[in-house]
Amino acid sequence: MFRLAPNTQKCLRDEMQGNQIVAGEYEITNAPGQKIDYVVRDTKGHILAQKEDISKGKFSFTSEVYDTFEICFISQVPPSYRGIEQEVALDVKKGIETKSYEGVSQIFVDF
């Protein structure tokens, strides 16, 4: 869990093995008028997963090779709003740990 200030971004990195599923679940505290997006990229800049205007959900992806992935949460607050910090709860699982993520769609990335 971490706090995300208005109009900033926070990125987290982790390693993934080849042919390993990575699955995550997130929940963000509500702040009227504010919007948070996420994007997951590999070291080559390929987008592995992304979604705009999120509050709660799941994601998953697989890479064919060993690599590092980065997930960034981006806060966007209109100039007319003062903006407040939002809490982001994130749980990421890899490999066999992902077996509990039933119903999560998978995005396969070819390199």
PDB file of N, CA and C in Angstrom:
ATOM      1  N   MET A   1       0.851  -1.162   0.000  1.00  0.00           N
ATOM      2  CA  MET A   1       0.000   0.000   0.000  1.00  0.00           C
ATOM      3  C   MET A   1       0.903   1.233   0.000  1.00  0.00           C
ATOM      4  N   PHE A   2       0.498   2.250  -0.761  1.00  0.00           N
ATOM      5  CA  PHE A   2       1.246   3.497  -0.794  1.00  0.00           C
ATOM      6  C   PHE A   2       0.290   4.647  -1.079  1.00  0.00           C
ATOM      7  N   ARG A   3       0.755   5.861  -0.835  1.00  0.00           N
ATOM      8  CA  ARG A   3      -0.025   7.070  -1.098  1.00  0.00           C
ATOM      9  C   ARG A   3       0.443   7.693  -2.411  1.00  0.00           C
ATOM     10  N   LEU A   4      -0.522   8.187  -3.180  1.00  0.00           N
ATOM     11  CA  LEU A   4      -0.225   8.828  -4.456  1.00  0.00           C
ATOM     12  C   LEU A   4      -0.734  10.265  -4.402  1.00  0.00           C
ATOM     13  N   ALA A   5       0.202  11.213  -4.479  1.00  0.00           N
ATOM     14  CA  ALA A   5      -0.146  12.632  -4.429  1.00  0.00           C
ATOM     15  C   ALA A   5      -0.821  13.045  -5.741  1.00  0.00           C
ATOM     16  N   PRO A   6      -1.635  14.100  -5.705  1.00  0.00           N
ATOM     17  CA  PRO A   6      -2.309  14.565  -6.925  1.00  0.00           C
ATOM     18  C   PRO A   6      -1.304  14.957  -8.014  1.00  0.00           C
ATOM     19  N   ASN A   7      -1.628  14.611  -9.253  1.00  0.00           N
ATOM     20  CA  ASN A   7      -0.820  14.935 -10.437  1.00  0.00           C
ATOM     21  C   ASN A   7       0.625  14.448 -10.346  1.00  0.00           C
ATOM     22  N   THR A   8       0.800  13.257  -9.780  1.00  0.00           N
ATOM     23  CA  THR A   8       2.118  12.623  -9.745  1.00  0.00           C
ATOM     24  C   THR A   8       1.963  11.191 -10.236  1.00  0.00           C
ATOM     25  N   GLN A   9       3.075  10.500 -10.343  1.00  0.00           N
ATOM     26  CA  GLN A   9       3.023   9.071 -10.656  1.00  0.00           C
ATOM     27  C   GLN A   9       3.986   8.328  -9.753  1.00  0.00           C
ATOM     28  N   LYS A  10       3.655   7.075  -9.474  1.00  0.00           N
ATOM     29  CA  LYS A  10       4.507   6.195  -8.663  1.00  0.00           C
ATOM     30  C   LYS A  10       4.682   4.909  -9.452  1.00  0.00           C
ATOM     31  N   CYS A  11       5.947   4.501  -9.624  1.00  0.00           N
ATOM     32  CA  CYS A  11       6.247   3.295 -10.385  1.00  0.00           C
ATOM     33  C   CYS A  11       6.947   2.278  -9.488  1.00  0.00           C
ATOM     34  N   LEU A  12       6.598   1.026  -9.668  1.00  0.00           N
ATOM     35  CA  LEU A  12       7.212  -0.074  -8.932  1.00  0.00           C
ATOM     36  C   LEU A  12       7.753  -1.074  -9.943  1.00  0.00           C
ATOM     37  N   ARG A  13       8.926  -1.654  -9.652  1.00  0.00           N
ATOM     38  CA  ARG A  13       9.550  -2.610 -10.576  1.00  0.00           C
ATOM     39  C   ARG A  13       9.723  -3.959  -9.901  1.00  0.00           C
ATOM     40  N   ASP A  14       9.678  -5.001 -10.726  1.00  0.00           N
ATOM     41  CA  ASP A  14       9.922  -6.359 -10.249  1.00  0.00           C
ATOM     42  C   ASP A  14      10.383  -7.203 -11.426  1.00  0.00           C
ATOM     43  N   GLU A  15      11.002  -8.317 -11.105  1.00  0.00           N
ATOM     44  CA  GLU A  15      11.481  -9.235 -12.146  1.00  0.00           C
ATOM     45  C   GLU A  15      10.419 -10.275 -12.454  1.00  0.00           C
ATOM     46  N   MET A  16      10.476 -10.799 -13.687  1.00  0.00           N
ATOM     47  CA  MET A  16       9.605 -11.909 -14.073  1.00  0.00           C
ATOM     48  C   MET A  16      10.427 -12.903 -14.877  1.00  0.00           C
ATOM     49  N   GLN A  17      10.157 -14.150 -14.667  1.00  0.00           N
ATOM     50  CA  GLN A  17      10.825 -15.223 -15.399  1.00  0.00           C
ATOM     51  C   GLN A  17      10.160 -15.399 -16.759  1.00  0.00           C
ATOM     52  N   GLY A  18      10.828 -16.076 -17.666  1.00  0.00           N
ATOM     53  CA  GLY A  18      10.229 -16.391 -18.954  1.00  0.00           C
ATOM     54  C   GLY A  18       9.049 -17.328 -18.778  1.00  0.00           C
ATOM     55  N   ASN A  19       7.999 -17.116 -19.553  1.00  0.00           N
ATOM     56  CA  ASN A  19       6.785 -17.925 -19.507  1.00  0.00           C
ATOM     57  C   ASN A  19       6.150 -17.961 -18.124  1.00  0.00           C
ATOM     58  N   GLN A  20       6.256 -16.868 -17.399  1.00  0.00           N
ATOM     59  CA  GLN A  20       5.674 -16.772 -16.062  1.00  0.00           C
ATOM     60  C   GLN A  20       4.498 -15.802 -16.098  1.00  0.00           C
ATOM     61  N   ILE A  21       3.388 -16.214 -15.501  1.00  0.00           N
ATOM     62  CA  ILE A  21       2.231 -15.335 -15.392  1.00  0.00           C
ATOM     63  C   ILE A  21       2.454 -14.388 -14.221  1.00  0.00           C
ATOM     64  N   VAL A  22       2.145 -13.129 -14.445  1.00  0.00           N
ATOM     65  CA  VAL A  22       2.160 -12.119 -13.390  1.00  0.00           C
ATOM     66  C   VAL A  22       0.730 -11.600 -13.287  1.00  0.00           C
ATOM     67  N   ALA A  23       0.172 -11.622 -12.084  1.00  0.00           N
ATOM     68  CA  ALA A  23      -1.202 -11.162 -11.887  1.00  0.00           C
ATOM     69  C   ALA A  23      -1.235 -10.189 -10.721  1.00  0.00           C
ATOM     70  N   GLY A  24      -2.062  -9.187 -10.846  1.00  0.00           N
ATOM     71  CA  GLY A  24      -2.168  -8.193  -9.791  1.00  0.00           C
ATOM     72  C   GLY A  24      -3.600  -7.804  -9.527  1.00  0.00           C
ATOM     73  N   GLU A  25      -3.801  -7.304  -8.325  1.00  0.00           N
ATOM     74  CA  GLU A  25      -5.101  -6.809  -7.917  1.00  0.00           C
ATOM     75  C   GLU A  25      -4.858  -5.473  -7.225  1.00  0.00           C
ATOM     76  N   TYR A  26      -5.693  -4.486  -7.515  1.00  0.00           N
ATOM     77  CA  TYR A  26      -5.495  -3.153  -6.950  1.00  0.00           C
ATOM     78  C   TYR A  26      -6.823  -2.578  -6.470  1.00  0.00           C
ATOM     79  N   GLU A  27      -6.718  -1.655  -5.511  1.00  0.00           N
ATOM     80  CA  GLU A  27      -7.880  -0.902  -5.041  1.00  0.00           C
ATOM     81  C   GLU A  27      -7.386   0.479  -4.631  1.00  0.00           C
ATOM     82  N   ILE A  28      -8.110   1.500  -5.037  1.00  0.00           N
ATOM     83  CA  ILE A  28      -7.707   2.879  -4.807  1.00  0.00           C
ATOM     84  C   ILE A  28      -8.828   3.618  -4.091  1.00  0.00           C
ATOM     85  N   THR A  29      -8.453   4.407  -3.074  1.00  0.00           N
ATOM     86  CA  THR A  29      -9.466   5.188  -2.369  1.00  0.00           C
ATOM     87  C   THR A  29     -10.079   6.219  -3.317  1.00  0.00           C
ATOM     88  N   ASN A  30     -11.355   6.479  -3.121  1.00  0.00           N
ATOM     89  CA  ASN A  30     -12.084   7.392  -3.996  1.00  0.00           C
ATOM     90  C   ASN A  30     -11.762   8.849  -3.654  1.00  0.00           C
ATOM     91  N   ALA A  31     -11.628   9.665  -4.671  1.00  0.00           N
ATOM     92  CA  ALA A  31     -11.465  11.108  -4.520  1.00  0.00           C
ATOM     93  C   ALA A  31     -12.219  11.757  -5.672  1.00  0.00           C
ATOM     94  N   PRO A  32     -13.382  12.339  -5.414  1.00  0.00           N
ATOM     95  CA  PRO A  32     -14.210  12.916  -6.483  1.00  0.00           C
ATOM     96  C   PRO A  32     -13.423  13.899  -7.357  1.00  0.00           C
ATOM     97  N   GLY A  33     -13.597  13.741  -8.672  1.00  0.00           N
ATOM     98  CA  GLY A  33     -12.942  14.618  -9.636  1.00  0.00           C
ATOM     99  C   GLY A  33     -11.531  14.203 -10.002  1.00  0.00           C
ATOM    100  N   GLN A  34     -10.982  13.241  -9.270  1.00  0.00           N
ATOM    101  CA  GLN A  34      -9.619  12.774  -9.562  1.00  0.00           C
ATOM    102  C   GLN A  34      -9.679  11.455 -10.319  1.00  0.00           C
ATOM    103  N   LYS A  35      -8.642  11.203 -11.084  1.00  0.00           N
ATOM    104  CA  LYS A  35      -8.597  10.007 -11.919  1.00  0.00           C
ATOM    105  C   LYS A  35      -7.205   9.392 -11.797  1.00  0.00           C
ATOM    106  N   ILE A  36      -7.156   8.073 -11.732  1.00  0.00           N
ATOM    107  CA  ILE A  36      -5.878   7.363 -11.716  1.00  0.00           C
ATOM    108  C   ILE A  36      -5.884   6.328 -12.831  1.00  0.00           C
ATOM    109  N   ASP A  37      -4.780   6.283 -13.569  1.00  0.00           N
ATOM    110  CA  ASP A  37      -4.563   5.283 -14.615  1.00  0.00           C
ATOM    111  C   ASP A  37      -3.398   4.408 -14.187  1.00  0.00           C
ATOM    112  N   TYR A  38      -3.281   3.216 -14.784  1.00  0.00           N
ATOM    113  CA  TYR A  38      -2.068   2.430 -14.598  1.00  0.00           C
ATOM    114  C   TYR A  38      -1.564   1.943 -15.945  1.00  0.00           C
ATOM    115  N   VAL A  39      -0.268   1.701 -16.023  1.00  0.00           N
ATOM    116  CA  VAL A  39       0.348   1.114 -17.202  1.00  0.00           C
ATOM    117  C   VAL A  39       1.482   0.205 -16.723  1.00  0.00           C
ATOM    118  N   VAL A  40       1.587  -0.966 -17.355  1.00  0.00           N
ATOM    119  CA  VAL A  40       2.663  -1.910 -17.061  1.00  0.00           C
ATOM    120  C   VAL A  40       3.509  -2.047 -18.314  1.00  0.00           C
ATOM    121  N   ARG A  41       4.828  -1.853 -18.165  1.00  0.00           N
ATOM    122  CA  ARG A  41       5.746  -1.948 -19.304  1.00  0.00           C
ATOM    123  C   ARG A  41       6.910  -2.859 -18.959  1.00  0.00           C
ATOM    124  N   ASP A  42       7.516  -3.424 -20.020  1.00  0.00           N
ATOM    125  CA  ASP A  42       8.761  -4.166 -19.830  1.00  0.00           C
ATOM    126  C   ASP A  42       9.931  -3.220 -20.077  1.00  0.00           C
ATOM    127  N   THR A  43      11.161  -3.734 -20.008  1.00  0.00           N
ATOM    128  CA  THR A  43      12.339  -2.875 -20.156  1.00  0.00           C
ATOM    129  C   THR A  43      12.497  -2.320 -21.569  1.00  0.00           C
ATOM    130  N   LYS A  44      11.822  -2.920 -22.546  1.00  0.00           N
ATOM    131  CA  LYS A  44      11.892  -2.423 -23.924  1.00  0.00           C
ATOM    132  C   LYS A  44      10.789  -1.410 -24.218  1.00  0.00           C
ATOM    133  N   GLY A  45       9.954  -1.111 -23.221  1.00  0.00           N
ATOM    134  CA  GLY A  45       8.876  -0.149 -23.399  1.00  0.00           C
ATOM    135  C   GLY A  45       7.580  -0.736 -23.919  1.00  0.00           C
ATOM    136  N   HIS A  46       7.517  -2.069 -24.105  1.00  0.00           N
ATOM    137  CA  HIS A  46       6.270  -2.703 -24.545  1.00  0.00           C
ATOM    138  C   HIS A  46       5.231  -2.595 -23.436  1.00  0.00           C
ATOM    139  N   ILE A  47       4.018  -2.226 -23.789  1.00  0.00           N
ATOM    140  CA  ILE A  47       2.931  -2.151 -22.813  1.00  0.00           C
ATOM    141  C   ILE A  47       2.359  -3.545 -22.617  1.00  0.00           C
ATOM    142  N   LEU A  48       2.405  -4.027 -21.373  1.00  0.00           N
ATOM    143  CA  LEU A  48       1.921  -5.362 -21.046  1.00  0.00           C
ATOM    144  C   LEU A  48       0.477  -5.327 -20.554  1.00  0.00           C
ATOM    145  N   ALA A  49       0.085  -4.229 -19.936  1.00  0.00           N
ATOM    146  CA  ALA A  49      -1.293  -4.041 -19.460  1.00  0.00           C
ATOM    147  C   ALA A  49      -1.473  -2.552 -19.181  1.00  0.00           C
ATOM    148  N   GLN A  50      -2.695  -2.075 -19.336  1.00  0.00           N
ATOM    149  CA  GLN A  50      -2.985  -0.686 -18.984  1.00  0.00           C
ATOM    150  C   GLN A  50      -4.483  -0.488 -18.881  1.00  0.00           C
ATOM    151  N   LYS A  51      -4.874   0.509 -18.093  1.00  0.00           N
ATOM    152  CA  LYS A  51      -6.288   0.840 -17.959  1.00  0.00           C
ATOM    153  C   LYS A  51      -6.385   2.263 -17.420  1.00  0.00           C
ATOM    154  N   GLU A  52      -7.413   2.964 -17.870  1.00  0.00           N
ATOM    155  CA  GLU A  52      -7.622   4.346 -17.452  1.00  0.00           C
ATOM    156  C   GLU A  52      -8.771   4.446 -16.458  1.00  0.00           C
ATOM    157  N   ASP A  53      -8.707   5.476 -15.631  1.00  0.00           N
ATOM    158  CA  ASP A  53      -9.763   5.811 -14.673  1.00  0.00           C
ATOM    159  C   ASP A  53     -10.147   4.598 -13.830  1.00  0.00           C
ATOM    160  N   ILE A  54      -9.199   4.119 -13.052  1.00  0.00           N
ATOM    161  CA  ILE A  54      -9.392   2.890 -12.284  1.00  0.00           C
ATOM    162  C   ILE A  54      -9.789   3.193 -10.844  1.00  0.00           C
ATOM    163  N   SER A  55     -10.404   2.207 -10.201  1.00  0.00           N
ATOM    164  CA  SER A  55     -10.694   2.301  -8.777  1.00  0.00           C
ATOM    165  C   SER A  55     -10.428   0.957  -8.098  1.00  0.00           C
ATOM    166  N   LYS A  56     -10.794  -0.135  -8.771  1.00  0.00           N
ATOM    167  CA  LYS A  56     -10.583  -1.476  -8.224  1.00  0.00           C
ATOM    168  C   LYS A  56     -10.585  -2.446  -9.387  1.00  0.00           C
ATOM    169  N   GLY A  57      -9.665  -3.403  -9.383  1.00  0.00           N
ATOM    170  CA  GLY A  57      -9.657  -4.379 -10.463  1.00  0.00           C
ATOM    171  C   GLY A  57      -8.468  -5.303 -10.416  1.00  0.00           C
ATOM    172  N   LYS A  58      -8.315  -6.055 -11.502  1.00  0.00           N
ATOM    173  CA  LYS A  58      -7.250  -7.044 -11.630  1.00  0.00           C
ATOM    174  C   LYS A  58      -6.594  -6.912 -12.999  1.00  0.00           C
ATOM    175  N   PHE A  59      -5.368  -7.403 -13.102  1.00  0.00           N
ATOM    176  CA  PHE A  59      -4.667  -7.460 -14.380  1.00  0.00           C
ATOM    177  C   PHE A  59      -3.764  -8.680 -14.373  1.00  0.00           C
ATOM    178  N   SER A  60      -3.376  -9.126 -15.571  1.00  0.00           N
ATOM    179  CA  SER A  60      -2.382 -10.200 -15.675  1.00  0.00           C
ATOM    180  C   SER A  60      -1.710 -10.115 -17.040  1.00  0.00           C
ATOM    181  N   PHE A  61      -0.505 -10.674 -17.095  1.00  0.00           N
ATOM    182  CA  PHE A  61       0.244 -10.719 -18.341  1.00  0.00           C
ATOM    183  C   PHE A  61       1.306 -11.809 -18.221  1.00  0.00           C
ATOM    184  N   THR A  62       1.858 -12.191 -19.368  1.00  0.00           N
ATOM    185  CA  THR A  62       2.911 -13.191 -19.441  1.00  0.00           C
ATOM    186  C   THR A  62       3.968 -12.709 -20.417  1.00  0.00           C
ATOM    187  N   SER A  63       5.219 -12.964 -20.086  1.00  0.00           N
ATOM    188  CA  SER A  63       6.317 -12.646 -20.994  1.00  0.00           C
ATOM    189  C   SER A  63       7.010 -13.946 -21.376  1.00  0.00           C
ATOM    190  N   GLU A  64       7.523 -14.006 -22.579  1.00  0.00           N
ATOM    191  CA  GLU A  64       8.200 -15.226 -23.018  1.00  0.00           C
ATOM    192  C   GLU A  64       9.632 -15.323 -22.498  1.00  0.00           C
ATOM    193  N   VAL A  65      10.217 -14.186 -22.094  1.00  0.00           N
ATOM    194  CA  VAL A  65      11.613 -14.175 -21.664  1.00  0.00           C
ATOM    195  C   VAL A  65      11.747 -13.532 -20.292  1.00  0.00           C
ATOM    196  N   TYR A  66      12.884 -13.808 -19.617  1.00  0.00           N
ATOM    197  CA  TYR A  66      13.181 -13.157 -18.351  1.00  0.00           C
ATOM    198  C   TYR A  66      13.298 -11.651 -18.603  1.00  0.00           C
ATOM    199  N   ASP A  67      12.672 -10.847 -17.754  1.00  0.00           N
ATOM    200  CA  ASP A  67      12.715  -9.403 -17.924  1.00  0.00           C
ATOM    201  C   ASP A  67      12.293  -8.750 -16.611  1.00  0.00           C
ATOM    202  N   THR A  68      12.342  -7.445 -16.584  1.00  0.00           N
ATOM    203  CA  THR A  68      11.837  -6.653 -15.472  1.00  0.00           C
ATOM    204  C   THR A  68      10.608  -5.917 -15.970  1.00  0.00           C
ATOM    205  N   PHE A  69       9.573  -5.865 -15.146  1.00  0.00           N
ATOM    206  CA  PHE A  69       8.401  -5.094 -15.513  1.00  0.00           C
ATOM    207  C   PHE A  69       8.255  -3.935 -14.531  1.00  0.00           C
ATOM    208  N   GLU A  70       7.570  -2.890 -15.001  1.00  0.00           N
ATOM    209  CA  GLU A  70       7.337  -1.705 -14.185  1.00  0.00           C
ATOM    210  C   GLU A  70       5.859  -1.372 -14.267  1.00  0.00           C
ATOM    211  N   ILE A  71       5.225  -1.212 -13.115  1.00  0.00           N
ATOM    212  CA  ILE A  71       3.827  -0.780 -13.089  1.00  0.00           C
ATOM    213  C   ILE A  71       3.791   0.633 -12.520  1.00  0.00           C
ATOM    214  N   CYS A  72       3.151   1.532 -13.267  1.00  0.00           N
ATOM    215  CA  CYS A  72       3.060   2.932 -12.864  1.00  0.00           C
ATOM    216  C   CYS A  72       1.595   3.311 -12.662  1.00  0.00           C
ATOM    217  N   PHE A  73       1.336   3.963 -11.538  1.00  0.00           N
ATOM    218  CA  PHE A  73       0.027   4.537 -11.260  1.00  0.00           C
ATOM    219  C   PHE A  73       0.165   6.044 -11.439  1.00  0.00           C
ATOM    220  N   ILE A  74      -0.714   6.638 -12.254  1.00  0.00           N
ATOM    221  CA  ILE A  74      -0.622   8.038 -12.631  1.00  0.00           C
ATOM    222  C   ILE A  74      -1.875   8.774 -12.167  1.00  0.00           C
ATOM    223  N   SER A  75      -1.690   9.784 -11.317  1.00  0.00           N
ATOM    224  CA  SER A  75      -2.793  10.603 -10.818  1.00  0.00           C
ATOM    225  C   SER A  75      -2.999  11.790 -11.747  1.00  0.00           C
ATOM    226  N   GLN A  76      -4.264  12.055 -12.051  1.00  0.00           N
ATOM    227  CA  GLN A  76      -4.601  13.200 -12.897  1.00  0.00           C
ATOM    228  C   GLN A  76      -5.746  13.975 -12.239  1.00  0.00           C
ATOM    229  N   VAL A  77      -5.456  15.230 -11.934  1.00  0.00           N
ATOM    230  CA  VAL A  77      -6.439  16.088 -11.277  1.00  0.00           C
ATOM    231  C   VAL A  77      -6.611  17.348 -12.131  1.00  0.00           C
ATOM    232  N   PRO A  78      -7.853  17.698 -12.488  1.00  0.00           N
ATOM    233  CA  PRO A  78      -8.067  18.910 -13.288  1.00  0.00           C
ATOM    234  C   PRO A  78      -7.591  20.149 -12.531  1.00  0.00           C
ATOM    235  N   PRO A  79      -7.177  21.183 -13.265  1.00  0.00           N
ATOM    236  CA  PRO A  79      -6.686  22.412 -12.624  1.00  0.00           C
ATOM    237  C   PRO A  79      -7.713  23.067 -11.689  1.00  0.00           C
ATOM    238  N   SER A  80      -8.980  22.826 -11.933  1.00  0.00           N
ATOM    239  CA  SER A  80     -10.029  23.442 -11.114  1.00  0.00           C
ATOM    240  C   SER A  80     -10.223  22.737  -9.761  1.00  0.00           C
ATOM    241  N   TYR A  81      -9.563  21.580  -9.556  1.00  0.00           N
ATOM    242  CA  TYR A  81      -9.679  20.834  -8.309  1.00  0.00           C
ATOM    243  C   TYR A  81      -8.418  21.009  -7.474  1.00  0.00           C
ATOM    244  N   ARG A  82      -8.589  20.961  -6.180  1.00  0.00           N
ATOM    245  CA  ARG A  82      -7.438  21.072  -5.285  1.00  0.00           C
ATOM    246  C   ARG A  82      -6.668  19.762  -5.227  1.00  0.00           C
ATOM    247  N   GLY A  83      -7.333  18.664  -5.195  1.00  0.00           N
ATOM    248  CA  GLY A  83      -6.693  17.354  -5.197  1.00  0.00           C
ATOM    249  C   GLY A  83      -6.250  16.913  -3.819  1.00  0.00           C
ATOM    250  N   ILE A  84      -6.391  15.608  -3.565  1.00  0.00           N
ATOM    251  CA  ILE A  84      -5.946  15.021  -2.296  1.00  0.00           C
ATOM    252  C   ILE A  84      -5.159  13.752  -2.592  1.00  0.00           C
ATOM    253  N   GLU A  85      -4.347  13.321  -1.631  1.00  0.00           N
ATOM    254  CA  GLU A  85      -3.630  12.058  -1.775  1.00  0.00           C
ATOM    255  C   GLU A  85      -4.638  10.914  -1.777  1.00  0.00           C
ATOM    256  N   GLN A  86      -4.305   9.887  -2.554  1.00  0.00           N
ATOM    257  CA  GLN A  86      -5.129   8.688  -2.584  1.00  0.00           C
ATOM    258  C   GLN A  86      -4.266   7.500  -2.190  1.00  0.00           C
ATOM    259  N   GLU A  87      -4.856   6.545  -1.496  1.00  0.00           N
ATOM    260  CA  GLU A  87      -4.149   5.326  -1.124  1.00  0.00           C
ATOM    261  C   GLU A  87      -4.343   4.283  -2.205  1.00  0.00           C
ATOM    262  N   VAL A  88      -3.250   3.644  -2.576  1.00  0.00           N
ATOM    263  CA  VAL A  88      -3.283   2.580  -3.572  1.00  0.00           C
ATOM    264  C   VAL A  88      -2.856   1.290  -2.877  1.00  0.00           C
ATOM    265  N   ALA A  89      -3.732   0.302  -2.887  1.00  0.00           N
ATOM    266  CA  ALA A  89      -3.405  -1.025  -2.374  1.00  0.00           C
ATOM    267  C   ALA A  89      -3.126  -1.904  -3.587  1.00  0.00           C
ATOM    268  N   LEU A  90      -1.966  -2.546  -3.606  1.00  0.00           N
ATOM    269  CA  LEU A  90      -1.562  -3.360  -4.750  1.00  0.00           C
ATOM    270  C   LEU A  90      -1.025  -4.693  -4.259  1.00  0.00           C
ATOM    271  N   ASP A  91      -1.511  -5.771  -4.849  1.00  0.00           N
ATOM    272  CA  ASP A  91      -1.035  -7.118  -4.535  1.00  0.00           C
ATOM    273  C   ASP A  91      -0.645  -7.768  -5.855  1.00  0.00           C
ATOM    274  N   VAL A  92       0.639  -8.091  -6.015  1.00  0.00           N
ATOM    275  CA  VAL A  92       1.140  -8.712  -7.243  1.00  0.00           C
ATOM    276  C   VAL A  92       1.637 -10.109  -6.913  1.00  0.00           C
ATOM    277  N   LYS A  93       1.232 -11.064  -7.729  1.00  0.00           N
ATOM    278  CA  LYS A  93       1.664 -12.460  -7.571  1.00  0.00           C
ATOM    279  C   LYS A  93       2.276 -12.929  -8.880  1.00  0.00           C
ATOM    280  N   LYS A  94       3.232 -13.872  -8.754  1.00  0.00           N
ATOM    281  CA  LYS A  94       3.913 -14.391  -9.943  1.00  0.00           C
ATOM    282  C   LYS A  94       3.932 -15.913  -9.896  1.00  0.00           C
ATOM    283  N   GLY A  95       3.921 -16.511 -11.097  1.00  0.00           N
ATOM    284  CA  GLY A  95       4.053 -17.959 -11.212  1.00  0.00           C
ATOM    285  C   GLY A  95       2.934 -18.705 -10.526  1.00  0.00           C
ATOM    286  N   ILE A  96       3.299 -19.698  -9.721  1.00  0.00           N
ATOM    287  CA  ILE A  96       2.314 -20.567  -9.080  1.00  0.00           C
ATOM    288  C   ILE A  96       1.404 -19.811  -8.118  1.00  0.00           C
ATOM    289  N   GLU A  97       1.871 -18.686  -7.578  1.00  0.00           N
ATOM    290  CA  GLU A  97       1.042 -17.871  -6.689  1.00  0.00           C
ATOM    291  C   GLU A  97      -0.212 -17.369  -7.395  1.00  0.00           C
ATOM    292  N   THR A  98      -0.207 -17.276  -8.722  1.00  0.00           N
ATOM    293  CA  THR A  98      -1.332 -16.714  -9.478  1.00  0.00           C
ATOM    294  C   THR A  98      -2.506 -17.666  -9.590  1.00  0.00           C
ATOM    295  N   LYS A  99      -2.365 -18.879  -9.154  1.00  0.00           N
ATOM    296  CA  LYS A  99      -3.447 -19.864  -9.299  1.00  0.00           C
ATOM    297  C   LYS A  99      -4.736 -19.412  -8.640  1.00  0.00           C
ATOM    298  N   SER A 100      -4.674 -18.508  -7.657  1.00  0.00           N
ATOM    299  CA  SER A 100      -5.879 -18.040  -6.985  1.00  0.00           C
ATOM    300  C   SER A 100      -6.594 -16.941  -7.768  1.00  0.00           C
ATOM    301  N   TYR A 101      -6.034 -16.523  -8.890  1.00  0.00           N
ATOM    302  CA  TYR A 101      -6.636 -15.448  -9.678  1.00  0.00           C
ATOM    303  C   TYR A 101      -7.529 -16.029 -10.772  1.00  0.00           C
ATOM    304  N   GLU A 102      -8.658 -16.593 -10.381  1.00  0.00           N
ATOM    305  CA  GLU A 102      -9.592 -17.138 -11.359  1.00  0.00           C
ATOM    306  C   GLU A 102     -10.316 -15.997 -12.060  1.00  0.00           C
ATOM    307  N   GLY A 103     -10.533 -16.161 -13.338  1.00  0.00           N
ATOM    308  CA  GLY A 103     -11.300 -15.183 -14.084  1.00  0.00           C
ATOM    309  C   GLY A 103     -10.520 -13.956 -14.525  1.00  0.00           C
ATOM    310  N   VAL A 104      -9.226 -13.921 -14.277  1.00  0.00           N
ATOM    311  CA  VAL A 104      -8.416 -12.784 -14.724  1.00  0.00           C
ATOM    312  C   VAL A 104      -7.995 -13.063 -16.156  1.00  0.00           C
ATOM    313  N   SER A 105      -8.297 -12.140 -17.037  1.00  0.00           N
ATOM    314  CA  SER A 105      -7.901 -12.347 -18.434  1.00  0.00           C
ATOM    315  C   SER A 105      -6.396 -12.230 -18.559  1.00  0.00           C
ATOM    316  N   GLN A 106      -5.814 -12.987 -19.462  1.00  0.00           N
ATOM    317  CA  GLN A 106      -4.372 -12.991 -19.644  1.00  0.00           C
ATOM    318  C   GLN A 106      -4.014 -12.265 -20.929  1.00  0.00           C
ATOM    319  N   ILE A 107      -2.935 -11.501 -20.857  1.00  0.00           N
ATOM    320  CA  ILE A 107      -2.398 -10.809 -22.027  1.00  0.00           C
ATOM    321  C   ILE A 107      -1.048 -11.424 -22.296  1.00  0.00           C
ATOM    322  N   PHE A 108      -0.883 -12.053 -23.450  1.00  0.00           N
ATOM    323  CA  PHE A 108       0.369 -12.676 -23.802  1.00  0.00           C
ATOM    324  C   PHE A 108       1.175 -11.738 -24.688  1.00  0.00           C
ATOM    325  N   VAL A 109       2.404 -11.544 -24.350  1.00  0.00           N
ATOM    326  CA  VAL A 109       3.252 -10.605 -25.054  1.00  0.00           C
ATOM    327  C   VAL A 109       4.382 -11.373 -25.754  1.00  0.00           C
ATOM    328  N   ASP A 110       4.517 -11.159 -27.043  1.00  0.00           N
ATOM    329  CA  ASP A 110       5.574 -11.803 -27.817  1.00  0.00           C
ATOM    330  C   ASP A 110       6.715 -10.820 -28.008  1.00  0.00           C
ATOM    331  N   PHE A 111       7.926 -11.313 -27.873  1.00  0.00           N
ATOM    332  CA  PHE A 111       9.108 -10.484 -28.096  1.00  0.00           C
ATOM    333  C   PHE A 111       9.877 -10.975 -29.284  1.00  0.00           C
TER     334      PHE A 111
END
